[in-house]
PDB file of N, CA and C in Angstrom:
ATOM      1  N   UNK A   1     -68.441 131.042-111.849  1.00  0.00           N
ATOM      2  CA  UNK A   1     -67.552 130.018-112.338  1.00  0.00           C
ATOM      3  C   UNK A   1     -68.290 128.780-111.932  1.00  0.00           C
ATOM      4  N   UNK A   2     -68.791 128.530-110.813  1.00  0.00           N
ATOM      5  CA  UNK A   2     -69.380 127.374-110.215  1.00  0.00           C
ATOM      6  C   UNK A   2     -70.516 126.916-111.254  1.00  0.00           C
ATOM      7  N   UNK A   3     -71.187 128.120-111.305  1.00  0.00           N
ATOM      8  CA  UNK A   3     -72.648 127.868-112.196  1.00  0.00           C
ATOM      9  C   UNK A   3     -72.084 127.048-113.516  1.00  0.00           C
ATOM     10  N   UNK A   4     -70.972 127.766-114.152  1.00  0.00           N
ATOM     11  CA  UNK A   4     -70.446 127.164-115.490  1.00  0.00           C
ATOM     12  C   UNK A   4     -70.028 125.809-115.559  1.00  0.00           C
ATOM     13  N   UNK A   5     -69.253 125.609-114.459  1.00  0.00           N
ATOM     14  CA  UNK A   5     -68.459 124.592-114.224  1.00  0.00           C
ATOM     15  C   UNK A   5     -69.090 123.255-113.928  1.00  0.00           C
ATOM     16  N   UNK A   6     -70.038 123.719-112.922  1.00  0.00           N
ATOM     17  CA  UNK A   6     -70.636 122.589-111.965  1.00  0.00           C
ATOM     18  C   UNK A   6     -72.034 122.428-111.987  1.00  0.00           C
ATOM     19  N   UNK A   7     -72.532 123.243-113.146  1.00  0.00           N
ATOM     20  CA  UNK A   7     -73.866 123.338-113.331  1.00  0.00           C
ATOM     21  C   UNK A   7     -74.640 123.411-112.109  1.00  0.00           C
ATOM     22  N   UNK A   8     -74.002 124.592-111.384  1.00  0.00           N
ATOM     23  CA  UNK A   8     -74.682 125.054-110.054  1.00  0.00           C
ATOM     24  C   UNK A   8     -75.950 125.970-110.716  1.00  0.00           C
ATOM     25  N   UNK A   9     -76.805 126.439-109.560  1.00  0.00           N
ATOM     26  CA  UNK A   9     -77.820 127.387-109.763  1.00  0.00           C
ATOM     27  C   UNK A   9     -77.633 128.480-108.532  1.00  0.00           C
ATOM     28  N   UNK A  10     -78.123 129.606-108.783  1.00  0.00           N
ATOM     29  CA  UNK A  10     -77.924 130.496-108.236  1.00  0.00           C
ATOM     30  C   UNK A  10     -79.459 130.738-107.394  1.00  0.00           C
ATOM     31  N   UNK A  11     -79.429 130.579-105.975  1.00  0.00           N
ATOM     32  CA  UNK A  11     -80.705 130.605-105.377  1.00  0.00           C
ATOM     33  C   UNK A  11     -80.649 131.724-104.143  1.00  0.00           C
ATOM     34  N   UNK A  12     -81.841 132.309-103.678  1.00  0.00           N
ATOM     35  CA  UNK A  12     -81.997 132.955-102.586  1.00  0.00           C
ATOM     36  C   UNK A  12     -81.357 132.335-101.281  1.00  0.00           C
ATOM     37  N   UNK A  13     -80.596 132.753-100.625  1.00  0.00           N
ATOM     38  CA  UNK A  13     -80.167 132.186 -99.342  1.00  0.00           C
ATOM     39  C   UNK A  13     -81.097 131.919 -98.202  1.00  0.00           C
ATOM     40  N   UNK A  14     -82.165 132.917 -97.979  1.00  0.00           N
ATOM     41  CA  UNK A  14     -83.195 132.715 -97.176  1.00  0.00           C
ATOM     42  C   UNK A  14     -84.115 131.866 -97.672  1.00  0.00           C
ATOM     43  N   UNK A  15     -84.541 131.674 -99.222  1.00  0.00           N
ATOM     44  CA  UNK A  15     -85.241 130.701 -99.614  1.00  0.00           C
ATOM     45  C   UNK A  15     -84.830 129.166 -99.298  1.00  0.00           C
ATOM     46  N   UNK A  16     -83.671 129.184 -99.383  1.00  0.00           N
ATOM     47  CA  UNK A  16     -82.880 127.803 -99.394  1.00  0.00           C
ATOM     48  C   UNK A  16     -83.030 127.467 -97.973  1.00  0.00           C
ATOM     49  N   UNK A  17     -82.817 128.358 -96.808  1.00  0.00           N
ATOM     50  CA  UNK A  17     -82.663 128.087 -95.510  1.00  0.00           C
ATOM     51  C   UNK A  17     -84.229 127.766 -94.896  1.00  0.00           C
ATOM     52  N   UNK A  18     -85.019 128.691 -95.452  1.00  0.00           N
ATOM     53  CA  UNK A  18     -86.478 128.259 -95.212  1.00  0.00           C
ATOM     54  C   UNK A  18     -86.757 126.665 -95.695  1.00  0.00           C
ATOM     55  N   UNK A  19     -86.604 126.633 -96.946  1.00  0.00           N
ATOM     56  CA  UNK A  19     -86.883 125.399 -97.288  1.00  0.00           C
ATOM     57  C   UNK A  19     -86.255 124.160 -96.712  1.00  0.00           C
ATOM     58  N   UNK A  20     -85.187 124.368 -96.319  1.00  0.00           N
ATOM     59  CA  UNK A  20     -84.325 123.353 -95.692  1.00  0.00           C
ATOM     60  C   UNK A  20     -84.736 123.048 -94.427  1.00  0.00           C
ATOM     61  N   UNK A  21     -85.040 123.997 -93.675  1.00  0.00           N
ATOM     62  CA  UNK A  21     -85.480 123.739 -92.101  1.00  0.00           C
ATOM     63  C   UNK A  21     -86.889 123.826 -91.965  1.00  0.00           C
ATOM     64  N   UNK A  22     -87.467 123.610 -93.134  1.00  0.00           N
ATOM     65  CA  UNK A  22     -89.300 123.431 -92.767  1.00  0.00           C
ATOM     66  C   UNK A  22     -89.821 124.858 -92.556  1.00  0.00           C
ATOM     67  N   UNK A  23     -89.257 125.809 -92.912  1.00  0.00           N
ATOM     68  CA  UNK A  23     -89.729 126.976 -92.752  1.00  0.00           C
ATOM     69  C   UNK A  23     -91.376 127.362 -93.091  1.00  0.00           C
ATOM     70  N   UNK A  24     -91.477 126.746 -94.340  1.00  0.00           N
ATOM     71  CA  UNK A  24     -93.070 126.643 -94.788  1.00  0.00           C
ATOM     72  C   UNK A  24     -93.973 126.193 -93.970  1.00  0.00           C
ATOM     73  N   UNK A  25     -93.532 125.058 -93.334  1.00  0.00           N
ATOM     74  CA  UNK A  25     -94.305 124.347 -92.277  1.00  0.00           C
ATOM     75  C   UNK A  25     -94.555 125.119 -91.086  1.00  0.00           C
ATOM     76  N   UNK A  26     -93.544 125.928 -90.452  1.00  0.00           N
ATOM     77  CA  UNK A  26     -93.876 126.498 -89.094  1.00  0.00           C
ATOM     78  C   UNK A  26     -94.514 127.890 -89.532  1.00  0.00           C
ATOM     79  N   UNK A  27     -94.465 128.323 -91.032  1.00  0.00           N
ATOM     80  CA  UNK A  27     -95.232 129.509 -91.164  1.00  0.00           C
ATOM     81  C   UNK A  27     -96.551 129.037 -91.193  1.00  0.00           C
ATOM     82  N   UNK A  28     -97.104 127.795 -91.472  1.00  0.00           N
ATOM     83  CA  UNK A  28     -98.404 127.356 -91.497  1.00  0.00           C
ATOM     84  C   UNK A  28     -99.076 127.316 -90.242  1.00  0.00           C
ATOM     85  N   UNK A  29     -98.278 127.198 -89.209  1.00  0.00           N
ATOM     86  CA  UNK A  29     -98.492 127.128 -87.669  1.00  0.00           C
ATOM     87  C   UNK A  29     -98.416 128.350 -87.120  1.00  0.00           C
ATOM     88  N   UNK A  30     -98.020 129.617 -87.781  1.00  0.00           N
ATOM     89  CA  UNK A  30     -97.773 130.989 -87.086  1.00  0.00           C
ATOM     90  C   UNK A  30     -98.781 131.939 -87.051  1.00  0.00           C
ATOM     91  N   UNK A  31     -99.231 132.490 -86.055  1.00  0.00           N
ATOM     92  CA  UNK A  31    -100.090 133.672 -85.777  1.00  0.00           C
ATOM     93  C   UNK A  31     -99.437 134.943 -86.062  1.00  0.00           C
ATOM     94  N   UNK A  32     -98.203 134.803 -85.666  1.00  0.00           N
ATOM     95  CA  UNK A  32     -97.179 135.978 -85.660  1.00  0.00           C
ATOM     96  C   UNK A  32     -95.958 135.871 -85.893  1.00  0.00           C
ATOM     97  N   UNK A  33     -95.136 136.553 -86.705  1.00  0.00           N
ATOM     98  CA  UNK A  33     -93.528 136.368 -87.112  1.00  0.00           C
ATOM     99  C   UNK A  33     -92.830 137.145 -86.755  1.00  0.00           C
ATOM    100  N   UNK A  34     -91.766 137.014 -85.782  1.00  0.00           N
ATOM    101  CA  UNK A  34     -90.644 138.084 -85.414  1.00  0.00           C
ATOM    102  C   UNK A  34     -89.514 137.470 -85.895  1.00  0.00           C
ATOM    103  N   UNK A  35     -88.718 138.713 -86.624  1.00  0.00           N
ATOM    104  CA  UNK A  35     -87.486 138.632 -87.139  1.00  0.00           C
ATOM    105  C   UNK A  35     -86.962 139.602 -87.119  1.00  0.00           C
ATOM    106  N   UNK A  36     -85.707 139.751 -87.146  1.00  0.00           N
ATOM    107  CA  UNK A  36     -84.617 141.057 -87.173  1.00  0.00           C
ATOM    108  C   UNK A  36     -83.188 140.827 -87.452  1.00  0.00           C
ATOM    109  N   UNK A  37     -82.564 141.915 -87.384  1.00  0.00           N
ATOM    110  CA  UNK A  37     -81.072 141.927 -87.515  1.00  0.00           C
ATOM    111  C   UNK A  37     -80.569 142.989 -86.593  1.00  0.00           C
ATOM    112  N   UNK A  38     -79.219 143.277 -86.788  1.00  0.00           N
ATOM    113  CA  UNK A  38     -78.597 144.312 -86.081  1.00  0.00           C
ATOM    114  C   UNK A  38     -79.230 145.874 -86.508  1.00  0.00           C
ATOM    115  N   UNK A  39     -79.139 145.902 -87.837  1.00  0.00           N
ATOM    116  CA  UNK A  39     -79.513 147.177 -88.305  1.00  0.00           C
ATOM    117  C   UNK A  39     -80.531 146.950 -89.451  1.00  0.00           C
ATOM    118  N   UNK A  40     -81.759 147.535 -89.435  1.00  0.00           N
ATOM    119  CA  UNK A  40     -82.657 147.420 -90.613  1.00  0.00           C
ATOM    120  C   UNK A  40     -82.520 148.778 -91.555  1.00  0.00           C
ATOM    121  N   UNK A  41     -82.063 148.552 -92.425  1.00  0.00           N
ATOM    122  CA  UNK A  41     -81.829 149.604 -93.339  1.00  0.00           C
ATOM    123  C   UNK A  41     -81.996 149.465 -95.118  1.00  0.00           C
ATOM    124  N   UNK A  42     -81.680 149.974 -95.645  1.00  0.00           N
ATOM    125  CA  UNK A  42     -82.016 149.895 -97.242  1.00  0.00           C
ATOM    126  C   UNK A  42     -81.180 148.341 -97.568  1.00  0.00           C
ATOM    127  N   UNK A  43     -80.038 148.124 -97.104  1.00  0.00           N
ATOM    128  CA  UNK A  43     -79.458 146.853 -97.218  1.00  0.00           C
ATOM    129  C   UNK A  43     -80.303 145.826 -96.992  1.00  0.00           C
ATOM    130  N   UNK A  44     -81.318 145.749 -95.864  1.00  0.00           N
ATOM    131  CA  UNK A  44     -82.346 144.675 -95.620  1.00  0.00           C
ATOM    132  C   UNK A  44     -83.270 144.395 -96.533  1.00  0.00           C
ATOM    133  N   UNK A  45     -83.558 145.561 -97.608  1.00  0.00           N
ATOM    134  CA  UNK A  45     -84.543 145.205 -98.716  1.00  0.00           C
ATOM    135  C   UNK A  45     -83.992 144.668 -99.905  1.00  0.00           C
ATOM    136  N   UNK A  46     -82.687 144.308 -99.801  1.00  0.00           N
ATOM    137  CA  UNK A  46     -81.988 143.874-101.067  1.00  0.00           C
ATOM    138  C   UNK A  46     -81.723 142.388-100.697  1.00  0.00           C
ATOM    139  N   UNK A  47     -82.672 141.542-100.190  1.00  0.00           N
ATOM    140  CA  UNK A  47     -82.622 139.950-100.362  1.00  0.00           C
ATOM    141  C   UNK A  47     -82.109 139.561 -98.828  1.00  0.00           C
ATOM    142  N   UNK A  48     -82.158 140.361 -97.836  1.00  0.00           N
ATOM    143  CA  UNK A  48     -81.551 139.842 -96.480  1.00  0.00           C
ATOM    144  C   UNK A  48     -82.622 139.041 -95.977  1.00  0.00           C
ATOM    145  N   UNK A  49     -82.492 138.072 -94.829  1.00  0.00           N
ATOM    146  CA  UNK A  49     -83.120 137.272 -94.454  1.00  0.00           C
ATOM    147  C   UNK A  49     -84.479 137.823 -93.822  1.00  0.00           C
ATOM    148  N   UNK A  50     -84.356 138.953 -92.902  1.00  0.00           N
ATOM    149  CA  UNK A  50     -85.613 139.632 -92.412  1.00  0.00           C
ATOM    150  C   UNK A  50     -86.721 140.013 -93.510  1.00  0.00           C
ATOM    151  N   UNK A  51     -86.145 140.465 -94.926  1.00  0.00           N
ATOM    152  CA  UNK A  51     -87.109 140.640 -95.991  1.00  0.00           C
ATOM    153  C   UNK A  51     -87.747 139.557 -96.618  1.00  0.00           C
ATOM    154  N   UNK A  52     -87.015 138.422 -96.838  1.00  0.00           N
ATOM    155  CA  UNK A  52     -87.303 137.203 -97.338  1.00  0.00           C
ATOM    156  C   UNK A  52     -88.498 136.349 -96.446  1.00  0.00           C
ATOM    157  N   UNK A  53     -88.149 136.503 -95.078  1.00  0.00           N
ATOM    158  CA  UNK A  53     -89.138 135.984 -94.225  1.00  0.00           C
ATOM    159  C   UNK A  53     -90.315 136.726 -93.928  1.00  0.00           C
ATOM    160  N   UNK A  54     -90.238 138.110 -93.955  1.00  0.00           N
ATOM    161  CA  UNK A  54     -91.279 138.884 -93.812  1.00  0.00           C
ATOM    162  C   UNK A  54     -92.400 138.840 -95.361  1.00  0.00           C
ATOM    163  N   UNK A  55     -91.901 138.881 -96.425  1.00  0.00           N
ATOM    164  CA  UNK A  55     -92.441 138.404 -97.647  1.00  0.00           C
ATOM    165  C   UNK A  55     -93.268 137.130 -97.633  1.00  0.00           C
ATOM    166  N   UNK A  56     -92.496 136.244 -97.238  1.00  0.00           N
ATOM    167  CA  UNK A  56     -93.458 134.811 -97.340  1.00  0.00           C
ATOM    168  C   UNK A  56     -94.393 134.919 -96.193  1.00  0.00           C
ATOM    169  N   UNK A  57     -94.235 135.418 -95.038  1.00  0.00           N
ATOM    170  CA  UNK A  57     -95.085 135.714 -93.919  1.00  0.00           C
ATOM    171  C   UNK A  57     -96.349 136.263 -94.444  1.00  0.00           C
ATOM    172  N   UNK A  58     -96.258 137.690 -94.968  1.00  0.00           N
ATOM    173  CA  UNK A  58     -97.151 138.461 -95.381  1.00  0.00           C
ATOM    174  C   UNK A  58     -98.062 137.792 -96.567  1.00  0.00           C
ATOM    175  N   UNK A  59     -97.358 137.189 -97.439  1.00  0.00           N
ATOM    176  CA  UNK A  59     -98.166 136.297 -98.399  1.00  0.00           C
ATOM    177  C   UNK A  59     -99.166 135.388 -97.879  1.00  0.00           C
ATOM    178  N   UNK A  60     -98.879 135.031 -96.457  1.00  0.00           N
ATOM    179  CA  UNK A  60     -99.806 134.031 -96.002  1.00  0.00           C
ATOM    180  C   UNK A  60    -100.956 134.861 -94.960  1.00  0.00           C
ATOM    181  N   UNK A  61    -100.689 136.072 -95.066  1.00  0.00           N
ATOM    182  CA  UNK A  61    -101.578 137.074 -94.116  1.00  0.00           C
ATOM    183  C   UNK A  61    -101.250 137.012 -92.858  1.00  0.00           C
ATOM    184  N   UNK A  62     -99.992 136.590 -92.360  1.00  0.00           N
ATOM    185  CA  UNK A  62     -99.377 136.563 -91.064  1.00  0.00           C
ATOM    186  C   UNK A  62     -98.582 137.907 -90.735  1.00  0.00           C
ATOM    187  N   UNK A  63     -98.992 138.750 -89.657  1.00  0.00           N
ATOM    188  CA  UNK A  63     -98.230 139.765 -89.125  1.00  0.00           C
ATOM    189  C   UNK A  63     -96.861 139.505 -89.053  1.00  0.00           C
ATOM    190  N   UNK A  64     -96.067 140.335 -89.447  1.00  0.00           N
ATOM    191  CA  UNK A  64     -94.464 140.351 -89.011  1.00  0.00           C
ATOM    192  C   UNK A  64     -93.909 141.478 -88.335  1.00  0.00           C
ATOM    193  N   UNK A  65     -93.368 141.256 -87.289  1.00  0.00           N
ATOM    194  CA  UNK A  65     -92.536 142.383 -86.470  1.00  0.00           C
ATOM    195  C   UNK A  65     -91.145 142.048 -86.648  1.00  0.00           C
ATOM    196  N   UNK A  66     -90.422 143.287 -86.552  1.00  0.00           N
ATOM    197  CA  UNK A  66     -89.019 143.206 -86.633  1.00  0.00           C
ATOM    198  C   UNK A  66     -88.491 143.632 -85.223  1.00  0.00           C
ATOM    199  N   UNK A  67     -87.299 143.107 -85.086  1.00  0.00           N
ATOM    200  CA  UNK A  67     -86.661 143.523 -83.649  1.00  0.00           C
ATOM    201  C   UNK A  67     -85.191 143.906 -84.389  1.00  0.00           C
ATOM    202  N   UNK A  68     -84.508 145.041 -83.776  1.00  0.00           N
ATOM    203  CA  UNK A  68     -83.254 145.282 -84.266  1.00  0.00           C
ATOM    204  C   UNK A  68     -82.614 146.411 -83.190  1.00  0.00           C
ATOM    205  N   UNK A  69     -81.290 146.439 -83.603  1.00  0.00           N
ATOM    206  CA  UNK A  69     -80.576 147.348 -82.851  1.00  0.00           C
ATOM    207  C   UNK A  69     -81.085 148.771 -83.163  1.00  0.00           C
ATOM    208  N   UNK A  70     -81.045 148.969 -84.376  1.00  0.00           N
ATOM    209  CA  UNK A  70     -81.162 150.145 -84.866  1.00  0.00           C
ATOM    210  C   UNK A  70     -82.047 150.087 -86.519  1.00  0.00           C
ATOM    211  N   UNK A  71     -83.125 151.146 -86.499  1.00  0.00           N
ATOM    212  CA  UNK A  71     -83.697 151.093 -87.892  1.00  0.00           C
ATOM    213  C   UNK A  71     -83.456 152.422 -88.662  1.00  0.00           C
ATOM    214  N   UNK A  72     -83.331 152.287 -89.863  1.00  0.00           N
ATOM    215  CA  UNK A  72     -83.012 153.406 -90.396  1.00  0.00           C
ATOM    216  C   UNK A  72     -83.826 153.558 -91.901  1.00  0.00           C
ATOM    217  N   UNK A  73     -84.898 152.750 -91.538  1.00  0.00           N
ATOM    218  CA  UNK A  73     -86.000 152.528 -92.962  1.00  0.00           C
ATOM    219  C   UNK A  73     -86.918 153.558 -92.747  1.00  0.00           C
ATOM    220  N   UNK A  74     -87.275 154.283 -93.742  1.00  0.00           N
ATOM    221  CA  UNK A  74     -88.574 155.260 -93.783  1.00  0.00           C
ATOM    222  C   UNK A  74     -89.877 154.484 -93.428  1.00  0.00           C
ATOM    223  N   UNK A  75     -90.470 154.934 -92.462  1.00  0.00           N
ATOM    224  CA  UNK A  75     -91.801 154.141 -92.124  1.00  0.00           C
ATOM    225  C   UNK A  75     -92.548 153.745 -93.391  1.00  0.00           C
ATOM    226  N   UNK A  76     -92.678 154.592 -94.523  1.00  0.00           N
ATOM    227  CA  UNK A  76     -93.575 154.208 -95.553  1.00  0.00           C
ATOM    228  C   UNK A  76     -92.952 153.100 -96.177  1.00  0.00           C
ATOM    229  N   UNK A  77     -91.633 152.829 -96.317  1.00  0.00           N
ATOM    230  CA  UNK A  77     -91.279 151.520 -96.708  1.00  0.00           C
ATOM    231  C   UNK A  77     -91.368 150.524 -95.911  1.00  0.00           C
ATOM    232  N   UNK A  78     -90.877 150.712 -94.464  1.00  0.00           N
ATOM    233  CA  UNK A  78     -90.939 149.643 -93.707  1.00  0.00           C
ATOM    234  C   UNK A  78     -92.374 149.002 -93.402  1.00  0.00           C
ATOM    235  N   UNK A  79     -93.417 149.847 -93.482  1.00  0.00           N
ATOM    236  CA  UNK A  79     -94.747 149.457 -93.078  1.00  0.00           C
ATOM    237  C   UNK A  79     -95.255 148.275 -94.416  1.00  0.00           C
ATOM    238  N   UNK A  80     -94.501 148.256 -95.583  1.00  0.00           N
ATOM    239  CA  UNK A  80     -94.838 147.434 -96.583  1.00  0.00           C
ATOM    240  C   UNK A  80     -94.526 146.080 -96.011  1.00  0.00           C
ATOM    241  N   UNK A  81     -93.373 145.852 -95.265  1.00  0.00           N
ATOM    242  CA  UNK A  81     -92.808 144.684 -94.907  1.00  0.00           C
ATOM    243  C   UNK A  81     -93.153 144.076 -93.579  1.00  0.00           C
ATOM    244  N   UNK A  82     -93.202 145.041 -92.577  1.00  0.00           N
ATOM    245  CA  UNK A  82     -93.314 144.779 -91.272  1.00  0.00           C
ATOM    246  C   UNK A  82     -94.520 145.702 -90.507  1.00  0.00           C
ATOM    247  N   UNK A  83     -95.133 144.984 -89.585  1.00  0.00           N
ATOM    248  CA  UNK A  83     -96.294 145.593 -88.968  1.00  0.00           C
ATOM    249  C   UNK A  83     -95.738 146.636 -88.135  1.00  0.00           C
ATOM    250  N   UNK A  84     -94.734 146.201 -87.229  1.00  0.00           N
ATOM    251  CA  UNK A  84     -93.910 147.058 -86.343  1.00  0.00           C
ATOM    252  C   UNK A  84     -92.517 146.874 -86.414  1.00  0.00           C
ATOM    253  N   UNK A  85     -91.599 147.783 -86.286  1.00  0.00           N
ATOM    254  CA  UNK A  85     -90.189 147.733 -85.928  1.00  0.00           C
ATOM    255  C   UNK A  85     -89.906 148.046 -84.745  1.00  0.00           C
ATOM    256  N   UNK A  86     -89.362 147.029 -83.709  1.00  0.00           N
ATOM    257  CA  UNK A  86     -88.768 147.743 -82.485  1.00  0.00           C
ATOM    258  C   UNK A  86     -87.464 147.696 -82.419  1.00  0.00           C
ATOM    259  N   UNK A  87     -86.916 148.888 -82.311  1.00  0.00           N
ATOM    260  CA  UNK A  87     -85.446 149.039 -82.356  1.00  0.00           C
ATOM    261  C   UNK A  87     -85.185 149.431 -80.874  1.00  0.00           C
ATOM    262  N   UNK A  88     -83.784 148.992 -80.461  1.00  0.00           N
ATOM    263  CA  UNK A  88     -83.196 149.052 -79.155  1.00  0.00           C
ATOM    264  C   UNK A  88     -83.071 150.618 -79.150  1.00  0.00           C
ATOM    265  N   UNK A  89     -82.598 151.294 -80.194  1.00  0.00           N
ATOM    266  CA  UNK A  89     -82.422 152.563 -79.736  1.00  0.00           C
ATOM    267  C   UNK A  89     -83.798 153.534 -80.146  1.00  0.00           C
ATOM    268  N   UNK A  90     -84.753 153.139 -79.910  1.00  0.00           N
ATOM    269  CA  UNK A  90     -85.993 153.751 -79.710  1.00  0.00           C
ATOM    270  C   UNK A  90     -86.253 153.794 -78.488  1.00  0.00           C
ATOM    271  N   UNK A  91     -85.667 152.564 -77.452  1.00  0.00           N
ATOM    272  CA  UNK A  91     -85.890 152.567 -76.102  1.00  0.00           C
ATOM    273  C   UNK A  91     -84.748 153.146 -75.466  1.00  0.00           C
ATOM    274  N   UNK A  92     -83.486 153.270 -75.891  1.00  0.00           N
ATOM    275  CA  UNK A  92     -82.258 153.613 -75.197  1.00  0.00           C
ATOM    276  C   UNK A  92     -81.623 154.448 -76.227  1.00  0.00           C
ATOM    277  N   UNK A  93     -81.246 155.665 -76.188  1.00  0.00           N
ATOM    278  CA  UNK A  93     -80.685 156.558 -77.206  1.00  0.00           C
ATOM    279  C   UNK A  93     -79.326 156.336 -77.445  1.00  0.00           C
ATOM    280  N   UNK A  94     -78.702 155.878 -76.374  1.00  0.00           N
ATOM    281  CA  UNK A  94     -77.368 155.652 -76.318  1.00  0.00           C
ATOM    282  C   UNK A  94     -76.745 154.219 -76.908  1.00  0.00           C
ATOM    283  N   UNK A  95     -76.350 154.239 -78.239  1.00  0.00           N
ATOM    284  CA  UNK A  95     -75.976 152.978 -78.889  1.00  0.00           C
ATOM    285  C   UNK A  95     -75.088 152.251 -77.924  1.00  0.00           C
ATOM    286  N   UNK A  96     -74.023 152.722 -77.206  1.00  0.00           N
ATOM    287  CA  UNK A  96     -73.162 151.971 -76.600  1.00  0.00           C
ATOM    288  C   UNK A  96     -73.818 151.353 -75.370  1.00  0.00           C
ATOM    289  N   UNK A  97     -74.843 151.815 -74.928  1.00  0.00           N
ATOM    290  CA  UNK A  97     -75.346 151.217 -73.716  1.00  0.00           C
ATOM    291  C   UNK A  97     -76.269 150.011 -74.356  1.00  0.00           C
ATOM    292  N   UNK A  98     -76.786 150.343 -75.571  1.00  0.00           N
ATOM    293  CA  UNK A  98     -77.546 149.041 -76.127  1.00  0.00           C
ATOM    294  C   UNK A  98     -76.665 148.058 -76.489  1.00  0.00           C
ATOM    295  N   UNK A  99     -75.551 148.225 -76.752  1.00  0.00           N
ATOM    296  CA  UNK A  99     -74.489 147.301 -77.100  1.00  0.00           C
ATOM    297  C   UNK A  99     -74.272 146.326 -75.782  1.00  0.00           C
ATOM    298  N   UNK A 100     -73.775 147.452 -74.841  1.00  0.00           N
ATOM    299  CA  UNK A 100     -73.080 146.723 -73.551  1.00  0.00           C
ATOM    300  C   UNK A 100     -74.390 145.831 -72.727  1.00  0.00           C
ATOM    301  N   UNK A 101     -75.480 146.524 -72.659  1.00  0.00           N
ATOM    302  CA  UNK A 101     -76.355 145.866 -71.736  1.00  0.00           C
ATOM    303  C   UNK A 101     -77.795 145.878 -72.569  1.00  0.00           C
ATOM    304  N   UNK A 102     -77.834 144.880 -73.511  1.00  0.00           N
ATOM    305  CA  UNK A 102     -79.210 144.755 -74.176  1.00  0.00           C
ATOM    306  C   UNK A 102     -80.249 144.104 -73.581  1.00  0.00           C
ATOM    307  N   UNK A 103     -80.247 143.231 -72.652  1.00  0.00           N
ATOM    308  CA  UNK A 103     -80.941 142.448 -72.072  1.00  0.00           C
ATOM    309  C   UNK A 103     -82.362 143.238 -71.616  1.00  0.00           C
ATOM    310  N   UNK A 104     -82.106 144.299 -70.638  1.00  0.00           N
ATOM    311  CA  UNK A 104     -83.204 145.070 -70.088  1.00  0.00           C
ATOM    312  C   UNK A 104     -84.148 145.652 -71.326  1.00  0.00           C
ATOM    313  N   UNK A 105     -83.417 145.988 -72.223  1.00  0.00           N
ATOM    314  CA  UNK A 105     -84.067 146.771 -73.603  1.00  0.00           C
ATOM    315  C   UNK A 105     -84.704 145.756 -74.202  1.00  0.00           C
ATOM    316  N   UNK A 106     -84.153 144.752 -74.434  1.00  0.00           N
ATOM    317  CA  UNK A 106     -85.153 143.490 -75.156  1.00  0.00           C
ATOM    318  C   UNK A 106     -86.180 143.036 -74.319  1.00  0.00           C
ATOM    319  N   UNK A 107     -86.171 142.942 -72.976  1.00  0.00           N
ATOM    320  CA  UNK A 107     -87.165 142.577 -72.067  1.00  0.00           C
ATOM    321  C   UNK A 107     -88.339 143.634 -72.101  1.00  0.00           C
ATOM    322  N   UNK A 108     -87.928 144.682 -72.391  1.00  0.00           N
ATOM    323  CA  UNK A 108     -88.899 145.722 -72.494  1.00  0.00           C
ATOM    324  C   UNK A 108     -89.606 145.779 -73.954  1.00  0.00           C
ATOM    325  N   UNK A 109     -88.822 145.364 -74.735  1.00  0.00           N
ATOM    326  CA  UNK A 109     -89.328 145.227 -76.002  1.00  0.00           C
ATOM    327  C   UNK A 109     -90.416 144.183 -76.268  1.00  0.00           C
ATOM    328  N   UNK A 110     -89.844 142.788 -75.495  1.00  0.00           N
ATOM    329  CA  UNK A 110     -90.789 141.732 -75.455  1.00  0.00           C
ATOM    330  C   UNK A 110     -92.247 142.205 -74.574  1.00  0.00           C
ATOM    331  N   UNK A 111     -92.160 142.795 -73.674  1.00  0.00           N
ATOM    332  CA  UNK A 111     -93.199 143.193 -73.039  1.00  0.00           C
ATOM    333  C   UNK A 111     -94.069 144.092 -73.876  1.00  0.00           C
ATOM    334  N   UNK A 112     -93.548 144.792 -74.554  1.00  0.00           N
ATOM    335  CA  UNK A 112     -94.439 145.682 -75.600  1.00  0.00           C
ATOM    336  C   UNK A 112     -95.050 144.926 -76.665  1.00  0.00           C
ATOM    337  N   UNK A 113     -94.355 144.077 -77.263  1.00  0.00           N
ATOM    338  CA  UNK A 113     -94.795 143.115 -78.123  1.00  0.00           C
ATOM    339  C   UNK A 113     -96.160 142.330 -77.690  1.00  0.00           C
ATOM    340  N   UNK A 114     -95.911 141.663 -76.589  1.00  0.00           N
ATOM    341  CA  UNK A 114     -96.847 140.779 -75.715  1.00  0.00           C
ATOM    342  C   UNK A 114     -98.018 142.010 -75.599  1.00  0.00           C
ATOM    343  N   UNK A 115     -98.067 143.055 -75.261  1.00  0.00           N
ATOM    344  CA  UNK A 115     -99.049 143.894 -74.800  1.00  0.00           C
ATOM    345  C   UNK A 115     -99.666 143.984 -75.966  1.00  0.00           C
ATOM    346  N   UNK A 116     -98.896 144.483 -77.217  1.00  0.00           N
ATOM    347  CA  UNK A 116     -99.632 145.302 -78.360  1.00  0.00           C
ATOM    348  C   UNK A 116     -99.965 144.097 -79.503  1.00  0.00           C
ATOM    349  N   UNK A 117     -99.336 142.881 -79.198  1.00  0.00           N
ATOM    350  CA  UNK A 117     -99.487 141.956 -80.321  1.00  0.00           C
ATOM    351  C   UNK A 117    -100.082 140.558 -80.076  1.00  0.00           C
ATOM    352  N   UNK A 118    -100.168 140.344 -78.739  1.00  0.00           N
ATOM    353  CA  UNK A 118    -100.570 139.090 -78.225  1.00  0.00           C
ATOM    354  C   UNK A 118    -101.698 138.956 -77.356  1.00  0.00           C
ATOM    355  N   UNK A 119    -102.322 140.126 -77.164  1.00  0.00           N
ATOM    356  CA  UNK A 119    -103.515 140.110 -76.172  1.00  0.00           C
ATOM    357  C   UNK A 119    -104.865 139.741 -76.822  1.00  0.00           C
TER     358      UNK A 119
END
């Protein structure tokens, strides 16, 4: 209705945010991009922020990592977007513990990212 009455246009949310916040300028200076969300799954592929960020970064040849609570994507699909996905549930199988006490798990993920991607 807004499109018809107000001459509004439909735009991708992630594209709009990246454009408005200087995302392109940040990508031009980046050697590595880390993005994420609570759960990476099939919905992630339908226009959510991590996918939009990953597509822009990969188009510039920048490797992209994702950090999430849980990943349900098939590796064959996720490898098209992300060099690696670090899931809290890969480090701690008890989801309730991941929710209650994520900091030590995230510190371990940060250590692994530094070790494998920043050396």
